[in-house]
């Protein structure tokens, strides 16, 4: 399921940081333009997925050519 799209949060930045946070059934998506920037929430989703189902990122193109590269991926448990 899609939480957000680039049409809702346009930017001219060549690179952005993305973050997904899952707490129980709630999944929230965040982005920022640079390492020192403030995280901006861009969407949230309430799932019926069991705790054993992980979340992740994908790049999808439906209208024009795009390129996407994911680097510096960090997986960490959220403190309760």
PDB file of N, CA and C in Angstrom:
ATOM      1  N   UNK A   1       0.833  -1.185   0.000  1.00  0.00           N
ATOM      2  CA  UNK A   1       0.000   0.000   0.000  1.00  0.00           C
ATOM      3  C   UNK A   1       0.875   1.245   0.000  1.00  0.00           C
ATOM      4  N   UNK A   2       0.452   2.289  -0.685  1.00  0.00           N
ATOM      5  CA  UNK A   2       1.204   3.526  -0.773  1.00  0.00           C
ATOM      6  C   UNK A   2       0.858   4.448   0.394  1.00  0.00           C
ATOM      7  N   UNK A   3       1.883   5.001   1.026  1.00  0.00           N
ATOM      8  CA  UNK A   3       1.671   5.960   2.103  1.00  0.00           C
ATOM      9  C   UNK A   3       1.671   7.376   1.552  1.00  0.00           C
ATOM     10  N   UNK A   4       2.541   7.655   0.569  1.00  0.00           N
ATOM     11  CA  UNK A   4       2.665   9.004   0.025  1.00  0.00           C
ATOM     12  C   UNK A   4       3.245   8.934  -1.374  1.00  0.00           C
ATOM     13  N   UNK A   5       3.235  10.086  -2.057  1.00  0.00           N
ATOM     14  CA  UNK A   5       3.827  10.162  -3.392  1.00  0.00           C
ATOM     15  C   UNK A   5       4.568  11.485  -3.541  1.00  0.00           C
ATOM     16  N   UNK A   6       5.416  11.562  -4.561  1.00  0.00           N
ATOM     17  CA  UNK A   6       6.193  12.787  -4.775  1.00  0.00           C
ATOM     18  C   UNK A   6       5.311  13.953  -5.201  1.00  0.00           C
ATOM     19  N   UNK A   7       4.149  13.678  -5.778  1.00  0.00           N
ATOM     20  CA  UNK A   7       3.255  14.776  -6.169  1.00  0.00           C
ATOM     21  C   UNK A   7       2.776  15.570  -4.956  1.00  0.00           C
ATOM     22  N   UNK A   8       2.622  14.907  -3.823  1.00  0.00           N
ATOM     23  CA  UNK A   8       2.151  15.578  -2.618  1.00  0.00           C
ATOM     24  C   UNK A   8       3.238  16.397  -1.937  1.00  0.00           C
ATOM     25  N   UNK A   9       4.516  16.030  -2.166  1.00  0.00           N
ATOM     26  CA  UNK A   9       5.635  16.680  -1.486  1.00  0.00           C
ATOM     27  C   UNK A   9       6.763  16.931  -2.483  1.00  0.00           C
ATOM     28  N   UNK A  10       6.569  17.875  -3.405  1.00  0.00           N
ATOM     29  CA  UNK A  10       7.594  18.120  -4.434  1.00  0.00           C
ATOM     30  C   UNK A  10       8.862  18.738  -3.853  1.00  0.00           C
ATOM     31  N   UNK A  11       9.987  18.443  -4.501  1.00  0.00           N
ATOM     32  CA  UNK A  11      11.266  19.021  -4.107  1.00  0.00           C
ATOM     33  C   UNK A  11      12.173  19.064  -5.330  1.00  0.00           C
ATOM     34  N   UNK A  12      13.098  19.983  -5.334  1.00  0.00           N
ATOM     35  CA  UNK A  12      14.109  20.060  -6.386  1.00  0.00           C
ATOM     36  C   UNK A  12      15.406  19.378  -5.948  1.00  0.00           C
ATOM     37  N   UNK A  13      15.425  18.857  -4.725  1.00  0.00           N
ATOM     38  CA  UNK A  13      16.630  18.226  -4.187  1.00  0.00           C
ATOM     39  C   UNK A  13      17.012  17.005  -5.019  1.00  0.00           C
ATOM     40  N   UNK A  14      18.298  16.832  -5.246  1.00  0.00           N
ATOM     41  CA  UNK A  14      18.806  15.674  -5.977  1.00  0.00           C
ATOM     42  C   UNK A  14      18.856  14.432  -5.083  1.00  0.00           C
ATOM     43  N   UNK A  15      18.872  14.655  -3.767  1.00  0.00           N
ATOM     44  CA  UNK A  15      18.976  13.548  -2.820  1.00  0.00           C
ATOM     45  C   UNK A  15      18.179  13.907  -1.574  1.00  0.00           C
ATOM     46  N   UNK A  16      17.450  12.951  -1.037  1.00  0.00           N
ATOM     47  CA  UNK A  16      16.700  13.155   0.203  1.00  0.00           C
ATOM     48  C   UNK A  16      16.900  11.937   1.104  1.00  0.00           C
ATOM     49  N   UNK A  17      16.669  12.125   2.383  1.00  0.00           N
ATOM     50  CA  UNK A  17      16.680  11.035   3.345  1.00  0.00           C
ATOM     51  C   UNK A  17      15.240  10.593   3.571  1.00  0.00           C
ATOM     52  N   UNK A  18      15.030   9.290   3.646  1.00  0.00           N
ATOM     53  CA  UNK A  18      13.709   8.733   3.889  1.00  0.00           C
ATOM     54  C   UNK A  18      13.743   7.897   5.156  1.00  0.00           C
ATOM     55  N   UNK A  19      12.625   7.884   5.874  1.00  0.00           N
ATOM     56  CA  UNK A  19      12.555   7.089   7.094  1.00  0.00           C
ATOM     57  C   UNK A  19      11.147   6.516   7.227  1.00  0.00           C
ATOM     58  N   UNK A  20      11.062   5.225   7.514  1.00  0.00           N
ATOM     59  CA  UNK A  20       9.800   4.573   7.837  1.00  0.00           C
ATOM     60  C   UNK A  20       9.870   4.099   9.275  1.00  0.00           C
ATOM     61  N   UNK A  21       8.807   4.332  10.023  1.00  0.00           N
ATOM     62  CA  UNK A  21       8.756   3.921  11.421  1.00  0.00           C
ATOM     63  C   UNK A  21       7.481   3.115  11.620  1.00  0.00           C
ATOM     64  N   UNK A  22       7.641   1.928  12.186  1.00  0.00           N
ATOM     65  CA  UNK A  22       6.477   1.105  12.493  1.00  0.00           C
ATOM     66  C   UNK A  22       6.400   0.910  13.991  1.00  0.00           C
ATOM     67  N   UNK A  23       5.246   1.250  14.558  1.00  0.00           N
ATOM     68  CA  UNK A  23       4.958   0.990  15.970  1.00  0.00           C
ATOM     69  C   UNK A  23       3.621   0.271  16.011  1.00  0.00           C
ATOM     70  N   UNK A  24       3.683  -1.025  16.265  1.00  0.00           N
ATOM     71  CA  UNK A  24       2.459  -1.828  16.260  1.00  0.00           C
ATOM     72  C   UNK A  24       1.843  -1.852  14.875  1.00  0.00           C
ATOM     73  N   UNK A  25       0.617  -1.390  14.760  1.00  0.00           N
ATOM     74  CA  UNK A  25      -0.088  -1.379  13.475  1.00  0.00           C
ATOM     75  C   UNK A  25       0.110  -0.077  12.701  1.00  0.00           C
ATOM     76  N   UNK A  26       0.712   0.929  13.327  1.00  0.00           N
ATOM     77  CA  UNK A  26       0.903   2.237  12.694  1.00  0.00           C
ATOM     78  C   UNK A  26       2.247   2.318  11.968  1.00  0.00           C
ATOM     79  N   UNK A  27       2.208   2.730  10.704  1.00  0.00           N
ATOM     80  CA  UNK A  27       3.416   2.939   9.909  1.00  0.00           C
ATOM     81  C   UNK A  27       3.424   4.402   9.491  1.00  0.00           C
ATOM     82  N   UNK A  28       4.533   5.087   9.755  1.00  0.00           N
ATOM     83  CA  UNK A  28       4.654   6.502   9.400  1.00  0.00           C
ATOM     84  C   UNK A  28       5.865   6.691   8.493  1.00  0.00           C
ATOM     85  N   UNK A  29       5.713   7.585   7.514  1.00  0.00           N
ATOM     86  CA  UNK A  29       6.786   7.883   6.562  1.00  0.00           C
ATOM     87  C   UNK A  29       7.247   9.320   6.773  1.00  0.00           C
ATOM     88  N   UNK A  30       8.574   9.522   6.703  1.00  0.00           N
ATOM     89  CA  UNK A  30       9.180  10.838   6.894  1.00  0.00           C
ATOM     90  C   UNK A  30      10.226  11.075   5.809  1.00  0.00           C
ATOM     91  N   UNK A  31      10.545  12.339   5.551  1.00  0.00           N
ATOM     92  CA  UNK A  31      11.637  12.682   4.647  1.00  0.00           C
ATOM     93  C   UNK A  31      12.270  13.996   5.098  1.00  0.00           C
ATOM     94  N   UNK A  32      13.483  14.219   4.634  1.00  0.00           N
ATOM     95  CA  UNK A  32      14.178  15.494   4.851  1.00  0.00           C
ATOM     96  C   UNK A  32      15.139  15.705   3.697  1.00  0.00           C
ATOM     97  N   UNK A  33      15.446  16.972   3.413  1.00  0.00           N
ATOM     98  CA  UNK A  33      16.285  17.292   2.261  1.00  0.00           C
ATOM     99  C   UNK A  33      17.768  17.151   2.528  1.00  0.00           C
ATOM    100  N   UNK A  34      18.187  17.288   3.762  1.00  0.00           N
ATOM    101  CA  UNK A  34      19.616  17.122   4.051  1.00  0.00           C
ATOM    102  C   UNK A  34      19.783  16.544   5.445  1.00  0.00           C
ATOM    103  N   UNK A  35      20.984  16.097   5.724  1.00  0.00           N
ATOM    104  CA  UNK A  35      21.265  15.394   6.972  1.00  0.00           C
ATOM    105  C   UNK A  35      20.942  16.217   8.217  1.00  0.00           C
ATOM    106  N   UNK A  36      21.037  17.531   8.129  1.00  0.00           N
ATOM    107  CA  UNK A  36      20.759  18.381   9.283  1.00  0.00           C
ATOM    108  C   UNK A  36      19.321  18.895   9.300  1.00  0.00           C
ATOM    109  N   UNK A  37      18.554  18.564   8.255  1.00  0.00           N
ATOM    110  CA  UNK A  37      17.196  19.073   8.146  1.00  0.00           C
ATOM    111  C   UNK A  37      16.231  18.408   9.112  1.00  0.00           C
ATOM    112  N   UNK A  38      15.093  19.038   9.257  1.00  0.00           N
ATOM    113  CA  UNK A  38      14.055  18.520  10.144  1.00  0.00           C
ATOM    114  C   UNK A  38      13.262  17.435   9.410  1.00  0.00           C
ATOM    115  N   UNK A  39      12.973  16.325  10.082  1.00  0.00           N
ATOM    116  CA  UNK A  39      12.156  15.279   9.503  1.00  0.00           C
ATOM    117  C   UNK A  39      10.732  15.787   9.342  1.00  0.00           C
ATOM    118  N   UNK A  40      10.144  15.582   8.168  1.00  0.00           N
ATOM    119  CA  UNK A  40       8.769  15.993   7.885  1.00  0.00           C
ATOM    120  C   UNK A  40       7.942  14.737   7.644  1.00  0.00           C
ATOM    121  N   UNK A  41       6.857  14.601   8.399  1.00  0.00           N
ATOM    122  CA  UNK A  41       6.001  13.437   8.190  1.00  0.00           C
ATOM    123  C   UNK A  41       5.203  13.638   6.914  1.00  0.00           C
ATOM    124  N   UNK A  42       5.197  12.629   6.054  1.00  0.00           N
ATOM    125  CA  UNK A  42       4.491  12.741   4.769  1.00  0.00           C
ATOM    126  C   UNK A  42       3.294  11.802   4.687  1.00  0.00           C
ATOM    127  N   UNK A  43       3.135  10.944   5.653  1.00  0.00           N
ATOM    128  CA  UNK A  43       1.981  10.065   5.624  1.00  0.00           C
ATOM    129  C   UNK A  43       2.008   9.050   6.742  1.00  0.00           C
ATOM    130  N   UNK A  44       0.854   8.436   6.945  1.00  0.00           N
ATOM    131  CA  UNK A  44       0.767   7.358   7.909  1.00  0.00           C
ATOM    132  C   UNK A  44      -0.268   6.361   7.432  1.00  0.00           C
ATOM    133  N   UNK A  45      -0.110   5.151   7.913  1.00  0.00           N
ATOM    134  CA  UNK A  45      -0.963   4.050   7.472  1.00  0.00           C
ATOM    135  C   UNK A  45      -1.199   3.124   8.645  1.00  0.00           C
ATOM    136  N   UNK A  46      -2.436   2.742   8.846  1.00  0.00           N
ATOM    137  CA  UNK A  46      -2.769   1.787   9.891  1.00  0.00           C
ATOM    138  C   UNK A  46      -2.979   0.431   9.220  1.00  0.00           C
ATOM    139  N   UNK A  47      -2.181  -0.544   9.601  1.00  0.00           N
ATOM    140  CA  UNK A  47      -2.198  -1.844   8.935  1.00  0.00           C
ATOM    141  C   UNK A  47      -2.854  -2.916   9.800  1.00  0.00           C
ATOM    142  N   UNK A  48      -3.199  -3.991   9.141  1.00  0.00           N
ATOM    143  CA  UNK A  48      -3.657  -5.183   9.846  1.00  0.00           C
ATOM    144  C   UNK A  48      -2.577  -6.261   9.798  1.00  0.00           C
ATOM    145  N   UNK A  49      -1.352  -5.867   9.405  1.00  0.00           N
ATOM    146  CA  UNK A  49      -0.260  -6.821   9.270  1.00  0.00           C
ATOM    147  C   UNK A  49       0.192  -7.305  10.644  1.00  0.00           C
ATOM    148  N   UNK A  50       0.529  -8.581  10.760  1.00  0.00           N
ATOM    149  CA  UNK A  50       1.064  -9.062  12.037  1.00  0.00           C
ATOM    150  C   UNK A  50       2.438  -8.454  12.305  1.00  0.00           C
ATOM    151  N   UNK A  51       2.870  -8.511  13.544  1.00  0.00           N
ATOM    152  CA  UNK A  51       4.169  -7.944  13.949  1.00  0.00           C
ATOM    153  C   UNK A  51       5.334  -8.538  13.170  1.00  0.00           C
ATOM    154  N   UNK A  52       5.177  -9.727  12.627  1.00  0.00           N
ATOM    155  CA  UNK A  52       6.270 -10.399  11.913  1.00  0.00           C
ATOM    156  C   UNK A  52       6.464  -9.880  10.492  1.00  0.00           C
ATOM    157  N   UNK A  53       5.556  -9.039   9.993  1.00  0.00           N
ATOM    158  CA  UNK A  53       5.679  -8.492   8.643  1.00  0.00           C
ATOM    159  C   UNK A  53       6.485  -7.204   8.703  1.00  0.00           C
ATOM    160  N   UNK A  54       7.558  -7.134   7.907  1.00  0.00           N
ATOM    161  CA  UNK A  54       8.412  -5.949   7.871  1.00  0.00           C
ATOM    162  C   UNK A  54       7.888  -4.938   6.864  1.00  0.00           C
ATOM    163  N   UNK A  55       8.408  -3.707   6.926  1.00  0.00           N
ATOM    164  CA  UNK A  55       8.064  -2.658   5.977  1.00  0.00           C
ATOM    165  C   UNK A  55       9.307  -2.294   5.182  1.00  0.00           C
ATOM    166  N   UNK A  56       9.132  -1.618   4.039  1.00  0.00           N
ATOM    167  CA  UNK A  56      10.294  -1.249   3.242  1.00  0.00           C
ATOM    168  C   UNK A  56       9.955  -0.200   2.197  1.00  0.00           C
ATOM    169  N   UNK A  57      10.965   0.174   1.406  1.00  0.00           N
ATOM    170  CA  UNK A  57      10.835   1.205   0.382  1.00  0.00           C
ATOM    171  C   UNK A  57      10.929   0.586  -1.001  1.00  0.00           C
ATOM    172  N   UNK A  58      10.197   1.167  -1.959  1.00  0.00           N
ATOM    173  CA  UNK A  58      10.353   0.815  -3.363  1.00  0.00           C
ATOM    174  C   UNK A  58      10.256   2.093  -4.184  1.00  0.00           C
ATOM    175  N   UNK A  59      10.769   2.046  -5.395  1.00  0.00           N
ATOM    176  CA  UNK A  59      10.610   3.158  -6.338  1.00  0.00           C
ATOM    177  C   UNK A  59       9.751   2.651  -7.485  1.00  0.00           C
ATOM    178  N   UNK A  60       8.697   3.381  -7.812  1.00  0.00           N
ATOM    179  CA  UNK A  60       7.772   2.982  -8.862  1.00  0.00           C
ATOM    180  C   UNK A  60       7.578   4.158  -9.809  1.00  0.00           C
ATOM    181  N   UNK A  61       7.593   3.881 -11.087  1.00  0.00           N
ATOM    182  CA  UNK A  61       7.400   4.912 -12.094  1.00  0.00           C
ATOM    183  C   UNK A  61       6.160   4.569 -12.904  1.00  0.00           C
ATOM    184  N   UNK A  62       5.221   5.506 -13.004  1.00  0.00           N
ATOM    185  CA  UNK A  62       4.021   5.271 -13.792  1.00  0.00           C
ATOM    186  C   UNK A  62       3.853   6.265 -14.931  1.00  0.00           C
ATOM    187  N   UNK A  63       4.716   7.284 -15.017  1.00  0.00           N
ATOM    188  CA  UNK A  63       4.488   8.279 -16.064  1.00  0.00           C
ATOM    189  C   UNK A  63       5.739   8.710 -16.831  1.00  0.00           C
ATOM    190  N   UNK A  64       6.872   8.843 -16.171  1.00  0.00           N
ATOM    191  CA  UNK A  64       8.076   9.291 -16.868  1.00  0.00           C
ATOM    192  C   UNK A  64       9.299   8.616 -16.270  1.00  0.00           C
ATOM    193  N   UNK A  65      10.407   8.690 -16.983  1.00  0.00           N
ATOM    194  CA  UNK A  65      11.627   8.053 -16.506  1.00  0.00           C
ATOM    195  C   UNK A  65      12.112   8.685 -15.208  1.00  0.00           C
ATOM    196  N   UNK A  66      12.469   7.837 -14.273  1.00  0.00           N
ATOM    197  CA  UNK A  66      13.072   8.274 -13.020  1.00  0.00           C
ATOM    198  C   UNK A  66      14.193   7.305 -12.688  1.00  0.00           C
ATOM    199  N   UNK A  67      15.076   7.731 -11.833  1.00  0.00           N
ATOM    200  CA  UNK A  67      16.073   6.809 -11.302  1.00  0.00           C
ATOM    201  C   UNK A  67      16.025   6.922  -9.790  1.00  0.00           C
ATOM    202  N   UNK A  68      16.255   5.807  -9.139  1.00  0.00           N
ATOM    203  CA  UNK A  68      16.248   5.790  -7.683  1.00  0.00           C
ATOM    204  C   UNK A  68      17.379   4.893  -7.206  1.00  0.00           C
ATOM    205  N   UNK A  69      18.019   5.343  -6.170  1.00  0.00           N
ATOM    206  CA  UNK A  69      19.089   4.568  -5.561  1.00  0.00           C
ATOM    207  C   UNK A  69      18.923   4.654  -4.058  1.00  0.00           C
ATOM    208  N   UNK A  70      18.932   3.525  -3.407  1.00  0.00           N
ATOM    209  CA  UNK A  70      18.826   3.489  -1.957  1.00  0.00           C
ATOM    210  C   UNK A  70      20.195   3.125  -1.403  1.00  0.00           C
ATOM    211  N   UNK A  71      20.698   3.938  -0.498  1.00  0.00           N
ATOM    212  CA  UNK A  71      22.009   3.706   0.086  1.00  0.00           C
ATOM    213  C   UNK A  71      21.945   4.018   1.579  1.00  0.00           C
ATOM    214  N   UNK A  72      22.938   3.550   2.302  1.00  0.00           N
ATOM    215  CA  UNK A  72      23.036   3.810   3.740  1.00  0.00           C
ATOM    216  C   UNK A  72      21.771   3.372   4.468  1.00  0.00           C
ATOM    217  N   UNK A  73      21.334   2.170   4.185  1.00  0.00           N
ATOM    218  CA  UNK A  73      20.121   1.645   4.797  1.00  0.00           C
ATOM    219  C   UNK A  73      20.442   1.153   6.210  1.00  0.00           C
ATOM    220  N   UNK A  74      19.630   1.572   7.157  1.00  0.00           N
ATOM    221  CA  UNK A  74      19.839   1.194   8.551  1.00  0.00           C
ATOM    222  C   UNK A  74      18.527   0.623   9.088  1.00  0.00           C
ATOM    223  N   UNK A  75      18.580  -0.558   9.624  1.00  0.00           N
ATOM    224  CA  UNK A  75      17.421  -1.175  10.251  1.00  0.00           C
ATOM    225  C   UNK A  75      17.673  -1.197  11.751  1.00  0.00           C
ATOM    226  N   UNK A  76      16.712  -0.679  12.493  1.00  0.00           N
ATOM    227  CA  UNK A  76      16.918  -0.616  13.934  1.00  0.00           C
ATOM    228  C   UNK A  76      15.592  -0.819  14.648  1.00  0.00           C
ATOM    229  N   UNK A  77      15.622  -1.489  15.783  1.00  0.00           N
ATOM    230  CA  UNK A  77      14.392  -1.620  16.563  1.00  0.00           C
ATOM    231  C   UNK A  77      14.029  -0.268  17.176  1.00  0.00           C
ATOM    232  N   UNK A  78      12.738  -0.038  17.308  1.00  0.00           N
ATOM    233  CA  UNK A  78      12.265   1.197  17.933  1.00  0.00           C
ATOM    234  C   UNK A  78      12.136   0.946  19.418  1.00  0.00           C
ATOM    235  N   UNK A  79      12.632   1.874  20.209  1.00  0.00           N
ATOM    236  CA  UNK A  79      12.485   1.710  21.662  1.00  0.00           C
ATOM    237  C   UNK A  79      11.022   1.833  22.036  1.00  0.00           C
ATOM    238  N   UNK A  80      10.629   1.056  22.998  1.00  0.00           N
ATOM    239  CA  UNK A  80       9.198   1.026  23.382  1.00  0.00           C
ATOM    240  C   UNK A  80       8.916   1.961  24.517  1.00  0.00           C
TER     241      UNK A  80
END
